[in-house]
Amino acid sequence: MEVTLHPKAKEFLFEHFVPMRKVFSDVLGQVETDYISIALINQTGQIFFLSSKPSIEQNLIEKNLWLLDGCYQSSFFSQDKPKLWSELPHMGCIEVIKQYKQIEPGLITGISIPTEYDSYKAVFSFGLKRITPCIQNKISTHCEKLVAMGKYALRQIQDYLTFPDKQPYTIAKPKLELIINNQVTYEHTPG
C-alpha cells in the first residue's frame, strides 16, 4: 500500500491541540513515556497524525521526512511487531530523522508499535527521555500496555473531534453584499 499525506494532515496537527493535549496529559508519564504520537492510515492509504508534541510531526511533514521514516513504511505497519526507533529503516535519512524525532525534543529512545484501530492501520510511537529495559527488550506485556494507552487516547480524542478523513467535504459559495453609503439595504417583506 502506498501511503500519501492526507490533505488536511498538517493543519489537523494543531487544529485541535487543546483537547488533544488534555487527553495526552492523561497518558503521558505512565509507563515512563514522555511523548506519544499516533499515525492513522485510512483504507485509501492517507496518513494523518495526532501527537503530544505536534511540532515533531510538523517538521517531518514540512521537510518530507515522514516519507522516509521507517515507522510509516508499509513493510513496518503491515506486520505486528514493535520496533525501537533505532531498528527502523529510515531510508537513508537516519541522522536527520533522529535530529527531529529525538535530539531536538530531548528523547533518548523510542518505540513504534503497529496495530489496527477501527478501519485504520495505526502506528503508536512512544518517546522516552531515559532508557528502560522493558522498552529496550520489547517485553510483550509492556508493549501491550503501550498499545492500550494509545487506544485509550484515540477513543478519548474521538469524543472531542472528527478525524479529517471523516469530515464532510463542503465548498462554501462566496456571497456578495451590496453596501451603499455605509448602509446595508434590508429586504422588506409585505406583512
N, C-alpha and C. Protein backbone atom coordinates (compact mmCIF):
# COMPACT_ATOMS: atom_id res chain seq x y z
N MET A 1 0.85 -1.19 0.00
CA MET A 1 0.00 0.00 0.00
C MET A 1 0.88 1.24 0.00
N GLU A 2 0.64 2.11 -0.95
CA GLU A 2 1.37 3.37 -0.99
C GLU A 2 0.69 4.35 -0.03
N VAL A 3 1.49 4.99 0.79
CA VAL A 3 0.97 5.93 1.79
C VAL A 3 1.18 7.35 1.27
N THR A 4 0.10 8.14 1.36
CA THR A 4 0.18 9.55 0.99
C THR A 4 -0.30 10.39 2.17
N LEU A 5 0.13 11.61 2.20
CA LEU A 5 -0.25 12.53 3.27
C LEU A 5 -1.68 13.01 3.05
N HIS A 6 -2.51 12.92 4.07
CA HIS A 6 -3.87 13.43 3.96
C HIS A 6 -3.79 14.94 3.72
N PRO A 7 -4.64 15.49 2.82
CA PRO A 7 -4.56 16.93 2.52
C PRO A 7 -4.68 17.84 3.75
N LYS A 8 -5.36 17.38 4.79
CA LYS A 8 -5.52 18.20 5.99
C LYS A 8 -4.58 17.78 7.12
N ALA A 9 -3.62 16.91 6.84
CA ALA A 9 -2.77 16.36 7.90
C ALA A 9 -2.01 17.44 8.68
N LYS A 10 -1.43 18.40 7.96
CA LYS A 10 -0.62 19.41 8.64
C LYS A 10 -1.48 20.32 9.51
N GLU A 11 -2.61 20.81 8.99
CA GLU A 11 -3.45 21.69 9.80
C GLU A 11 -4.13 20.94 10.93
N PHE A 12 -4.40 19.65 10.74
CA PHE A 12 -5.05 18.84 11.77
C PHE A 12 -4.16 18.68 13.00
N LEU A 13 -2.84 18.71 12.81
CA LEU A 13 -1.90 18.58 13.93
C LEU A 13 -2.17 19.60 15.04
N PHE A 14 -2.42 20.85 14.65
CA PHE A 14 -2.58 21.93 15.63
C PHE A 14 -4.02 22.37 15.81
N GLU A 15 -4.88 22.01 14.87
CA GLU A 15 -6.27 22.48 14.88
C GLU A 15 -7.00 22.13 16.18
N HIS A 16 -6.72 20.99 16.73
CA HIS A 16 -7.40 20.53 17.95
C HIS A 16 -6.40 20.27 19.07
N PHE A 17 -5.39 21.13 19.14
CA PHE A 17 -4.30 20.90 20.08
C PHE A 17 -4.76 20.87 21.53
N VAL A 18 -5.66 21.77 21.92
CA VAL A 18 -6.08 21.84 23.33
C VAL A 18 -6.77 20.56 23.80
N PRO A 19 -7.80 20.06 23.09
CA PRO A 19 -8.40 18.81 23.56
C PRO A 19 -7.44 17.63 23.49
N MET A 20 -6.57 17.61 22.47
CA MET A 20 -5.60 16.52 22.39
C MET A 20 -4.60 16.58 23.53
N ARG A 21 -4.18 17.80 23.88
CA ARG A 21 -3.23 17.95 24.98
C ARG A 21 -3.82 17.41 26.28
N LYS A 22 -5.13 17.67 26.49
CA LYS A 22 -5.80 17.16 27.70
C LYS A 22 -5.77 15.63 27.72
N VAL A 23 -6.08 15.03 26.59
CA VAL A 23 -6.09 13.56 26.52
C VAL A 23 -4.68 13.01 26.71
N PHE A 24 -3.72 13.57 25.99
CA PHE A 24 -2.35 13.05 26.09
C PHE A 24 -1.78 13.26 27.49
N SER A 25 -2.19 14.31 28.19
CA SER A 25 -1.68 14.52 29.55
C SER A 25 -2.14 13.41 30.49
N ASP A 26 -3.26 12.76 30.16
CA ASP A 26 -3.73 11.62 30.96
C ASP A 26 -2.84 10.39 30.81
N VAL A 27 -2.21 10.24 29.64
CA VAL A 27 -1.42 9.03 29.41
C VAL A 27 0.09 9.25 29.50
N LEU A 28 0.55 10.48 29.25
CA LEU A 28 1.99 10.73 29.35
C LEU A 28 2.46 10.54 30.78
N GLY A 29 3.64 10.00 30.92
CA GLY A 29 4.18 9.74 32.25
C GLY A 29 3.91 8.32 32.70
N GLN A 30 2.83 7.74 32.21
CA GLN A 30 2.57 6.34 32.55
C GLN A 30 3.56 5.48 31.78
N VAL A 31 4.00 4.45 32.37
CA VAL A 31 4.99 3.53 31.79
C VAL A 31 6.21 4.33 31.30
N GLU A 32 6.51 5.42 31.99
CA GLU A 32 7.68 6.26 31.76
C GLU A 32 7.75 6.87 30.36
N THR A 33 6.60 7.18 29.76
CA THR A 33 6.60 7.78 28.43
C THR A 33 6.62 9.31 28.53
N ASP A 34 7.36 9.94 27.62
CA ASP A 34 7.47 11.39 27.59
C ASP A 34 6.86 11.99 26.33
N TYR A 35 6.52 11.15 25.37
CA TYR A 35 5.98 11.61 24.08
C TYR A 35 5.16 10.48 23.49
N ILE A 36 4.03 10.85 22.88
CA ILE A 36 3.22 9.87 22.17
C ILE A 36 2.77 10.49 20.85
N SER A 37 2.87 9.69 19.82
CA SER A 37 2.38 10.09 18.51
C SER A 37 1.57 8.93 17.96
N ILE A 38 0.46 9.26 17.33
CA ILE A 38 -0.38 8.24 16.72
C ILE A 38 -0.53 8.60 15.25
N ALA A 39 -0.10 7.70 14.39
CA ALA A 39 -0.30 7.86 12.95
C ALA A 39 -1.44 6.94 12.55
N LEU A 40 -2.42 7.49 11.86
CA LEU A 40 -3.54 6.69 11.38
C LEU A 40 -3.51 6.69 9.85
N ILE A 41 -3.60 5.49 9.28
CA ILE A 41 -3.60 5.32 7.84
C ILE A 41 -4.95 4.74 7.46
N ASN A 42 -5.71 5.49 6.66
CA ASN A 42 -7.05 5.02 6.31
C ASN A 42 -6.98 4.00 5.17
N GLN A 43 -8.13 3.51 4.75
CA GLN A 43 -8.18 2.44 3.76
C GLN A 43 -7.71 2.87 2.38
N THR A 44 -7.68 4.18 2.12
CA THR A 44 -7.17 4.66 0.84
C THR A 44 -5.67 5.00 0.91
N GLY A 45 -5.05 4.73 2.06
CA GLY A 45 -3.61 4.95 2.22
C GLY A 45 -3.22 6.36 2.63
N GLN A 46 -4.19 7.17 3.05
CA GLN A 46 -3.87 8.52 3.51
C GLN A 46 -3.52 8.50 4.99
N ILE A 47 -2.45 9.22 5.33
CA ILE A 47 -1.97 9.24 6.71
C ILE A 47 -2.19 10.62 7.33
N PHE A 48 -2.53 10.61 8.62
CA PHE A 48 -2.57 11.84 9.40
C PHE A 48 -2.12 11.49 10.81
N PHE A 49 -1.79 12.52 11.60
CA PHE A 49 -1.12 12.32 12.87
C PHE A 49 -1.85 13.01 14.02
N LEU A 50 -1.73 12.41 15.20
CA LEU A 50 -2.16 13.00 16.46
C LEU A 50 -0.91 12.93 17.35
N SER A 51 -0.58 14.00 18.04
CA SER A 51 0.70 14.00 18.75
C SER A 51 0.67 14.86 20.00
N SER A 52 1.42 14.41 21.00
CA SER A 52 1.57 15.21 22.21
C SER A 52 2.54 16.37 21.97
N LYS A 53 3.39 16.25 20.93
CA LYS A 53 4.31 17.33 20.52
C LYS A 53 4.19 17.47 19.01
N PRO A 54 3.14 18.16 18.54
CA PRO A 54 2.89 18.21 17.10
C PRO A 54 4.00 18.86 16.29
N SER A 55 4.88 19.62 16.93
CA SER A 55 5.99 20.23 16.20
C SER A 55 6.92 19.18 15.61
N ILE A 56 7.01 18.01 16.24
CA ILE A 56 7.85 16.93 15.70
C ILE A 56 7.30 16.49 14.35
N GLU A 57 6.00 16.18 14.30
CA GLU A 57 5.40 15.74 13.05
C GLU A 57 5.36 16.87 12.02
N GLN A 58 5.19 18.11 12.49
CA GLN A 58 5.20 19.24 11.56
C GLN A 58 6.54 19.31 10.84
N ASN A 59 7.64 19.15 11.57
CA ASN A 59 8.96 19.15 10.94
C ASN A 59 9.10 18.01 9.95
N LEU A 60 8.62 16.82 10.31
CA LEU A 60 8.70 15.68 9.40
C LEU A 60 7.89 15.94 8.13
N ILE A 61 6.72 16.58 8.28
CA ILE A 61 5.88 16.87 7.12
C ILE A 61 6.52 17.96 6.26
N GLU A 62 6.94 19.07 6.87
CA GLU A 62 7.49 20.19 6.11
C GLU A 62 8.75 19.82 5.35
N LYS A 63 9.54 18.90 5.90
CA LYS A 63 10.78 18.51 5.26
C LYS A 63 10.63 17.20 4.48
N ASN A 64 9.39 16.74 4.33
CA ASN A 64 9.07 15.48 3.64
C ASN A 64 9.81 14.27 4.20
N LEU A 65 10.18 14.34 5.47
CA LEU A 65 10.89 13.23 6.10
C LEU A 65 9.94 12.11 6.53
N TRP A 66 8.66 12.40 6.68
CA TRP A 66 7.70 11.36 7.07
C TRP A 66 7.71 10.25 6.03
N LEU A 67 7.97 10.61 4.75
CA LEU A 67 8.02 9.61 3.68
C LEU A 67 9.14 8.60 3.89
N LEU A 68 10.21 9.04 4.56
CA LEU A 68 11.40 8.22 4.73
C LEU A 68 11.50 7.58 6.11
N ASP A 69 10.63 7.99 7.03
CA ASP A 69 10.62 7.45 8.39
C ASP A 69 10.15 6.00 8.34
N GLY A 70 10.94 5.11 8.90
CA GLY A 70 10.65 3.68 8.84
C GLY A 70 9.33 3.27 9.45
N CYS A 71 8.81 4.01 10.42
CA CYS A 71 7.55 3.57 11.04
C CYS A 71 6.34 3.88 10.18
N TYR A 72 6.50 4.62 9.09
CA TYR A 72 5.38 4.90 8.19
C TYR A 72 5.51 4.13 6.88
N GLN A 73 6.42 3.16 6.84
CA GLN A 73 6.58 2.30 5.67
C GLN A 73 5.65 1.11 5.80
N SER A 74 5.03 0.71 4.70
CA SER A 74 4.06 -0.39 4.77
C SER A 74 4.71 -1.69 5.24
N SER A 75 6.01 -1.86 4.99
CA SER A 75 6.68 -3.07 5.47
C SER A 75 6.68 -3.13 7.00
N PHE A 76 6.59 -1.96 7.66
CA PHE A 76 6.52 -1.94 9.12
C PHE A 76 5.08 -2.03 9.60
N PHE A 77 4.20 -1.13 9.14
CA PHE A 77 2.86 -1.09 9.72
C PHE A 77 1.96 -2.24 9.26
N SER A 78 2.40 -3.01 8.27
CA SER A 78 1.60 -4.16 7.82
C SER A 78 1.88 -5.41 8.65
N GLN A 79 2.90 -5.38 9.47
CA GLN A 79 3.19 -6.51 10.36
C GLN A 79 2.78 -6.10 11.78
N ASP A 80 3.03 -6.93 12.75
CA ASP A 80 2.53 -6.60 14.09
C ASP A 80 3.61 -6.64 15.17
N LYS A 81 4.84 -6.36 14.80
CA LYS A 81 5.94 -6.42 15.77
C LYS A 81 6.44 -5.02 16.11
N PRO A 82 6.57 -4.72 17.41
CA PRO A 82 7.13 -3.42 17.80
C PRO A 82 8.60 -3.33 17.43
N LYS A 83 9.04 -2.11 17.15
CA LYS A 83 10.46 -1.89 16.87
C LYS A 83 10.92 -0.62 17.56
N LEU A 84 12.14 -0.67 18.04
CA LEU A 84 12.77 0.54 18.57
C LEU A 84 13.03 1.47 17.39
N TRP A 85 13.05 2.76 17.64
CA TRP A 85 13.30 3.70 16.55
C TRP A 85 14.64 3.41 15.90
N SER A 86 15.62 2.97 16.68
CA SER A 86 16.95 2.68 16.13
C SER A 86 16.94 1.46 15.21
N GLU A 87 15.90 0.64 15.26
CA GLU A 87 15.81 -0.55 14.41
C GLU A 87 15.04 -0.30 13.11
N LEU A 88 14.38 0.83 13.02
CA LEU A 88 13.55 1.11 11.85
C LEU A 88 14.40 1.55 10.67
N PRO A 89 14.06 1.08 9.47
CA PRO A 89 14.81 1.51 8.28
C PRO A 89 14.35 2.90 7.83
N HIS A 90 15.18 3.90 8.06
CA HIS A 90 14.79 5.28 7.75
C HIS A 90 15.20 5.71 6.34
N MET A 91 15.39 4.78 5.45
CA MET A 91 15.62 5.04 4.03
C MET A 91 16.64 6.14 3.77
N GLY A 92 17.83 6.00 4.34
CA GLY A 92 18.93 6.91 4.04
C GLY A 92 18.97 8.21 4.80
N CYS A 93 18.03 8.45 5.69
CA CYS A 93 17.99 9.73 6.42
C CYS A 93 18.03 9.52 7.92
N ILE A 94 18.76 8.55 8.38
CA ILE A 94 18.76 8.19 9.79
C ILE A 94 19.09 9.38 10.68
N GLU A 95 20.17 10.09 10.36
CA GLU A 95 20.61 11.18 11.23
C GLU A 95 19.64 12.36 11.23
N VAL A 96 19.07 12.69 10.08
CA VAL A 96 18.15 13.82 10.00
C VAL A 96 16.86 13.51 10.77
N ILE A 97 16.33 12.31 10.58
CA ILE A 97 15.11 11.92 11.30
C ILE A 97 15.38 11.87 12.80
N LYS A 98 16.53 11.33 13.18
CA LYS A 98 16.89 11.27 14.60
C LYS A 98 16.99 12.69 15.18
N GLN A 99 17.50 13.62 14.41
CA GLN A 99 17.61 15.01 14.86
C GLN A 99 16.24 15.57 15.25
N TYR A 100 15.25 15.37 14.37
CA TYR A 100 13.92 15.95 14.62
C TYR A 100 13.07 15.14 15.59
N LYS A 101 13.24 13.81 15.60
CA LYS A 101 12.40 12.98 16.46
C LYS A 101 12.97 12.78 17.86
N GLN A 102 14.29 12.83 17.99
CA GLN A 102 14.89 12.52 19.28
C GLN A 102 15.73 13.66 19.86
N ILE A 103 16.70 14.13 19.12
CA ILE A 103 17.66 15.08 19.69
C ILE A 103 17.00 16.40 20.07
N GLU A 104 16.28 17.03 19.12
CA GLU A 104 15.65 18.33 19.43
C GLU A 104 14.64 18.24 20.57
N PRO A 105 13.76 17.22 20.61
CA PRO A 105 12.82 17.15 21.74
C PRO A 105 13.42 16.54 23.02
N GLY A 106 14.69 16.13 22.98
CA GLY A 106 15.34 15.61 24.18
C GLY A 106 14.97 14.18 24.52
N LEU A 107 14.65 13.38 23.53
CA LEU A 107 14.29 11.98 23.77
C LEU A 107 15.51 11.09 23.51
N ILE A 108 15.72 10.12 24.37
CA ILE A 108 16.87 9.22 24.25
C ILE A 108 16.55 8.04 23.35
N THR A 109 15.35 7.51 23.48
CA THR A 109 14.96 6.33 22.71
C THR A 109 13.47 6.39 22.42
N GLY A 110 13.03 5.50 21.58
CA GLY A 110 11.61 5.44 21.28
C GLY A 110 11.25 4.08 20.71
N ILE A 111 9.97 3.80 20.72
CA ILE A 111 9.46 2.54 20.19
C ILE A 111 8.19 2.83 19.40
N SER A 112 8.03 2.13 18.29
CA SER A 112 6.82 2.25 17.48
C SER A 112 6.16 0.88 17.41
N ILE A 113 4.84 0.89 17.53
CA ILE A 113 4.08 -0.36 17.57
C ILE A 113 2.93 -0.26 16.56
N PRO A 114 2.94 -1.12 15.53
CA PRO A 114 1.83 -1.11 14.57
C PRO A 114 0.65 -1.92 15.11
N THR A 115 -0.55 -1.49 14.78
CA THR A 115 -1.75 -2.20 15.22
C THR A 115 -2.91 -1.80 14.33
N GLU A 116 -4.08 -2.29 14.63
CA GLU A 116 -5.30 -1.90 13.92
C GLU A 116 -6.16 -1.09 14.89
N TYR A 117 -6.88 -0.12 14.35
CA TYR A 117 -7.84 0.63 15.16
C TYR A 117 -9.02 0.97 14.26
N ASP A 118 -10.17 0.42 14.56
CA ASP A 118 -11.35 0.55 13.69
C ASP A 118 -10.95 0.18 12.27
N SER A 119 -11.17 1.08 11.32
CA SER A 119 -10.84 0.77 9.93
C SER A 119 -9.44 1.26 9.55
N TYR A 120 -8.66 1.67 10.52
CA TYR A 120 -7.33 2.24 10.28
C TYR A 120 -6.21 1.26 10.61
N LYS A 121 -5.10 1.44 9.91
CA LYS A 121 -3.82 0.91 10.38
C LYS A 121 -3.30 2.02 11.29
N ALA A 122 -2.84 1.66 12.45
CA ALA A 122 -2.34 2.66 13.40
C ALA A 122 -0.89 2.34 13.76
N VAL A 123 -0.12 3.40 13.95
CA VAL A 123 1.24 3.25 14.46
C VAL A 123 1.33 4.13 15.71
N PHE A 124 1.50 3.47 16.86
CA PHE A 124 1.69 4.19 18.11
C PHE A 124 3.19 4.33 18.33
N SER A 125 3.66 5.55 18.49
CA SER A 125 5.07 5.80 18.76
C SER A 125 5.20 6.48 20.11
N PHE A 126 6.13 5.98 20.90
CA PHE A 126 6.35 6.49 22.24
C PHE A 126 7.82 6.87 22.38
N GLY A 127 8.08 8.09 22.85
CA GLY A 127 9.43 8.55 23.09
C GLY A 127 9.71 8.62 24.57
N LEU A 128 10.96 8.33 24.94
CA LEU A 128 11.35 8.32 26.35
C LEU A 128 12.63 9.12 26.55
N LYS A 129 12.70 9.79 27.68
CA LYS A 129 13.89 10.59 27.99
C LYS A 129 14.96 9.78 28.70
N ARG A 130 14.64 8.54 29.01
CA ARG A 130 15.68 7.66 29.57
C ARG A 130 15.42 6.22 29.11
N ILE A 131 16.47 5.46 29.08
CA ILE A 131 16.39 4.08 28.61
C ILE A 131 15.81 3.20 29.70
N THR A 132 14.83 2.39 29.33
CA THR A 132 14.25 1.43 30.28
C THR A 132 14.37 0.04 29.68
N PRO A 133 14.75 -0.95 30.49
CA PRO A 133 14.91 -2.31 29.98
C PRO A 133 13.64 -2.88 29.35
N CYS A 134 12.48 -2.53 29.90
CA CYS A 134 11.22 -3.05 29.35
C CYS A 134 11.02 -2.61 27.91
N ILE A 135 11.42 -1.39 27.60
CA ILE A 135 11.29 -0.88 26.22
C ILE A 135 12.39 -1.48 25.36
N GLN A 136 13.63 -1.42 25.83
CA GLN A 136 14.75 -1.91 25.02
C GLN A 136 14.58 -3.38 24.65
N ASN A 137 14.00 -4.16 25.54
CA ASN A 137 13.81 -5.59 25.28
C ASN A 137 12.45 -5.90 24.67
N LYS A 138 11.64 -4.87 24.48
CA LYS A 138 10.31 -5.00 23.87
C LYS A 138 9.48 -6.09 24.55
N ILE A 139 9.46 -6.05 25.87
CA ILE A 139 8.71 -7.03 26.65
C ILE A 139 7.24 -6.93 26.28
N SER A 140 6.64 -8.07 25.93
CA SER A 140 5.29 -8.06 25.35
C SER A 140 4.25 -7.44 26.27
N THR A 141 4.31 -7.72 27.57
CA THR A 141 3.31 -7.14 28.47
C THR A 141 3.44 -5.61 28.52
N HIS A 142 4.66 -5.12 28.43
CA HIS A 142 4.90 -3.68 28.42
C HIS A 142 4.37 -3.07 27.12
N CYS A 143 4.63 -3.73 26.01
CA CYS A 143 4.13 -3.24 24.71
C CYS A 143 2.61 -3.26 24.68
N GLU A 144 2.00 -4.27 25.29
CA GLU A 144 0.54 -4.34 25.36
C GLU A 144 -0.03 -3.15 26.15
N LYS A 145 0.68 -2.76 27.22
CA LYS A 145 0.25 -1.59 27.99
C LYS A 145 0.33 -0.33 27.14
N LEU A 146 1.39 -0.21 26.36
CA LEU A 146 1.55 0.95 25.49
C LEU A 146 0.43 1.02 24.45
N VAL A 147 0.11 -0.12 23.84
CA VAL A 147 -0.97 -0.16 22.85
C VAL A 147 -2.30 0.21 23.52
N ALA A 148 -2.53 -0.31 24.71
CA ALA A 148 -3.77 0.01 25.44
C ALA A 148 -3.84 1.52 25.72
N MET A 149 -2.71 2.13 26.09
CA MET A 149 -2.67 3.58 26.32
C MET A 149 -3.01 4.33 25.04
N GLY A 150 -2.43 3.89 23.93
CA GLY A 150 -2.69 4.54 22.64
C GLY A 150 -4.14 4.43 22.23
N LYS A 151 -4.72 3.26 22.40
CA LYS A 151 -6.13 3.07 22.02
C LYS A 151 -7.06 3.86 22.95
N TYR A 152 -6.70 3.93 24.22
CA TYR A 152 -7.47 4.75 25.16
C TYR A 152 -7.46 6.21 24.69
N ALA A 153 -6.27 6.70 24.36
CA ALA A 153 -6.15 8.09 23.90
C ALA A 153 -6.99 8.32 22.64
N LEU A 154 -6.95 7.39 21.71
CA LEU A 154 -7.74 7.53 20.48
C LEU A 154 -9.23 7.59 20.77
N ARG A 155 -9.71 6.73 21.65
CA ARG A 155 -11.14 6.74 22.00
C ARG A 155 -11.53 8.08 22.63
N GLN A 156 -10.68 8.59 23.51
CA GLN A 156 -10.96 9.87 24.16
C GLN A 156 -10.95 11.01 23.14
N ILE A 157 -9.99 10.99 22.23
CA ILE A 157 -9.88 12.03 21.21
C ILE A 157 -11.10 12.01 20.30
N GLN A 158 -11.58 10.82 19.97
CA GLN A 158 -12.76 10.71 19.10
C GLN A 158 -14.01 11.30 19.77
N ASP A 159 -14.03 11.37 21.09
CA ASP A 159 -15.14 12.02 21.78
C ASP A 159 -15.14 13.53 21.54
N TYR A 160 -13.95 14.10 21.27
CA TYR A 160 -13.81 15.54 21.10
C TYR A 160 -13.91 15.99 19.64
N LEU A 161 -13.47 15.15 18.71
CA LEU A 161 -13.34 15.62 17.34
C LEU A 161 -13.56 14.51 16.32
N THR A 162 -13.70 14.93 15.08
CA THR A 162 -13.86 14.02 13.96
C THR A 162 -12.55 13.97 13.20
N PHE A 163 -12.09 12.78 12.87
CA PHE A 163 -10.84 12.65 12.12
C PHE A 163 -11.01 13.30 10.74
N PRO A 164 -9.92 13.82 10.18
CA PRO A 164 -10.04 14.59 8.93
C PRO A 164 -10.64 13.81 7.76
N ASP A 165 -10.42 12.52 7.71
CA ASP A 165 -10.97 11.75 6.59
C ASP A 165 -12.46 11.45 6.77
N LYS A 166 -13.01 11.75 7.93
CA LYS A 166 -14.44 11.55 8.19
C LYS A 166 -15.22 12.86 8.17
N GLN A 167 -14.51 13.97 8.00
CA GLN A 167 -15.17 15.27 7.99
C GLN A 167 -15.86 15.48 6.64
N PRO A 168 -17.04 16.08 6.65
CA PRO A 168 -17.72 16.32 5.37
C PRO A 168 -16.94 17.33 4.54
N TYR A 169 -16.93 17.09 3.27
CA TYR A 169 -16.24 18.00 2.36
C TYR A 169 -17.27 18.95 1.78
N THR A 170 -17.16 20.21 2.13
CA THR A 170 -18.12 21.20 1.63
C THR A 170 -17.38 22.33 0.96
N ILE A 171 -18.00 22.85 -0.04
CA ILE A 171 -17.45 24.02 -0.72
C ILE A 171 -18.37 25.19 -0.39
N ALA A 172 -17.81 26.18 0.25
CA ALA A 172 -18.60 27.36 0.61
C ALA A 172 -18.68 28.28 -0.60
N LYS A 173 -19.89 28.67 -0.95
CA LYS A 173 -20.07 29.59 -2.07
C LYS A 173 -19.87 31.01 -1.55
N PRO A 174 -19.11 31.80 -2.29
CA PRO A 174 -18.91 33.19 -1.85
C PRO A 174 -20.20 33.98 -1.96
N LYS A 175 -20.37 34.94 -1.05
CA LYS A 175 -21.55 35.80 -1.07
C LYS A 175 -21.09 37.25 -1.19
N LEU A 176 -21.84 38.01 -1.92
CA LEU A 176 -21.58 39.44 -2.01
C LEU A 176 -22.75 40.17 -1.38
N GLU A 177 -22.44 41.24 -0.70
CA GLU A 177 -23.48 42.05 -0.10
C GLU A 177 -23.25 43.48 -0.56
N LEU A 178 -24.27 44.09 -1.11
CA LEU A 178 -24.16 45.45 -1.60
C LEU A 178 -24.36 46.44 -0.45
N ILE A 179 -23.37 47.28 -0.25
CA ILE A 179 -23.45 48.32 0.78
C ILE A 179 -23.26 49.66 0.08
N ILE A 180 -24.26 50.52 0.21
CA ILE A 180 -24.20 51.84 -0.42
C ILE A 180 -24.17 52.88 0.68
N ASN A 181 -23.18 53.76 0.62
CA ASN A 181 -23.02 54.84 1.61
C ASN A 181 -23.05 54.30 3.04
N ASN A 182 -22.34 53.22 3.26
CA ASN A 182 -22.24 52.61 4.59
C ASN A 182 -23.57 52.14 5.15
N GLN A 183 -24.54 51.90 4.31
CA GLN A 183 -25.84 51.42 4.77
C GLN A 183 -26.14 50.09 4.11
N VAL A 184 -26.60 49.18 4.90
CA VAL A 184 -27.00 47.88 4.38
C VAL A 184 -28.47 47.96 4.03
N THR A 185 -28.79 47.56 2.82
CA THR A 185 -30.20 47.57 2.43
C THR A 185 -30.83 46.26 2.88
N TYR A 186 -31.96 46.38 3.52
CA TYR A 186 -32.66 45.19 4.01
C TYR A 186 -33.83 44.90 3.10
N GLU A 187 -34.08 43.65 2.92
CA GLU A 187 -35.22 43.25 2.11
C GLU A 187 -36.48 43.43 2.95
N HIS A 188 -37.44 44.13 2.39
CA HIS A 188 -38.71 44.32 3.10
C HIS A 188 -39.71 43.32 2.55
N THR A 189 -40.35 42.64 3.45
CA THR A 189 -41.37 41.69 3.02
C THR A 189 -42.73 42.25 3.38
N PRO A 190 -43.69 42.06 2.49
CA PRO A 190 -45.02 42.57 2.82
C PRO A 190 -45.57 41.85 4.03
N GLY A 191 -46.17 42.57 4.87
CA GLY A 191 -46.58 41.91 6.05
C GLY A 191 -47.79 42.31 6.68
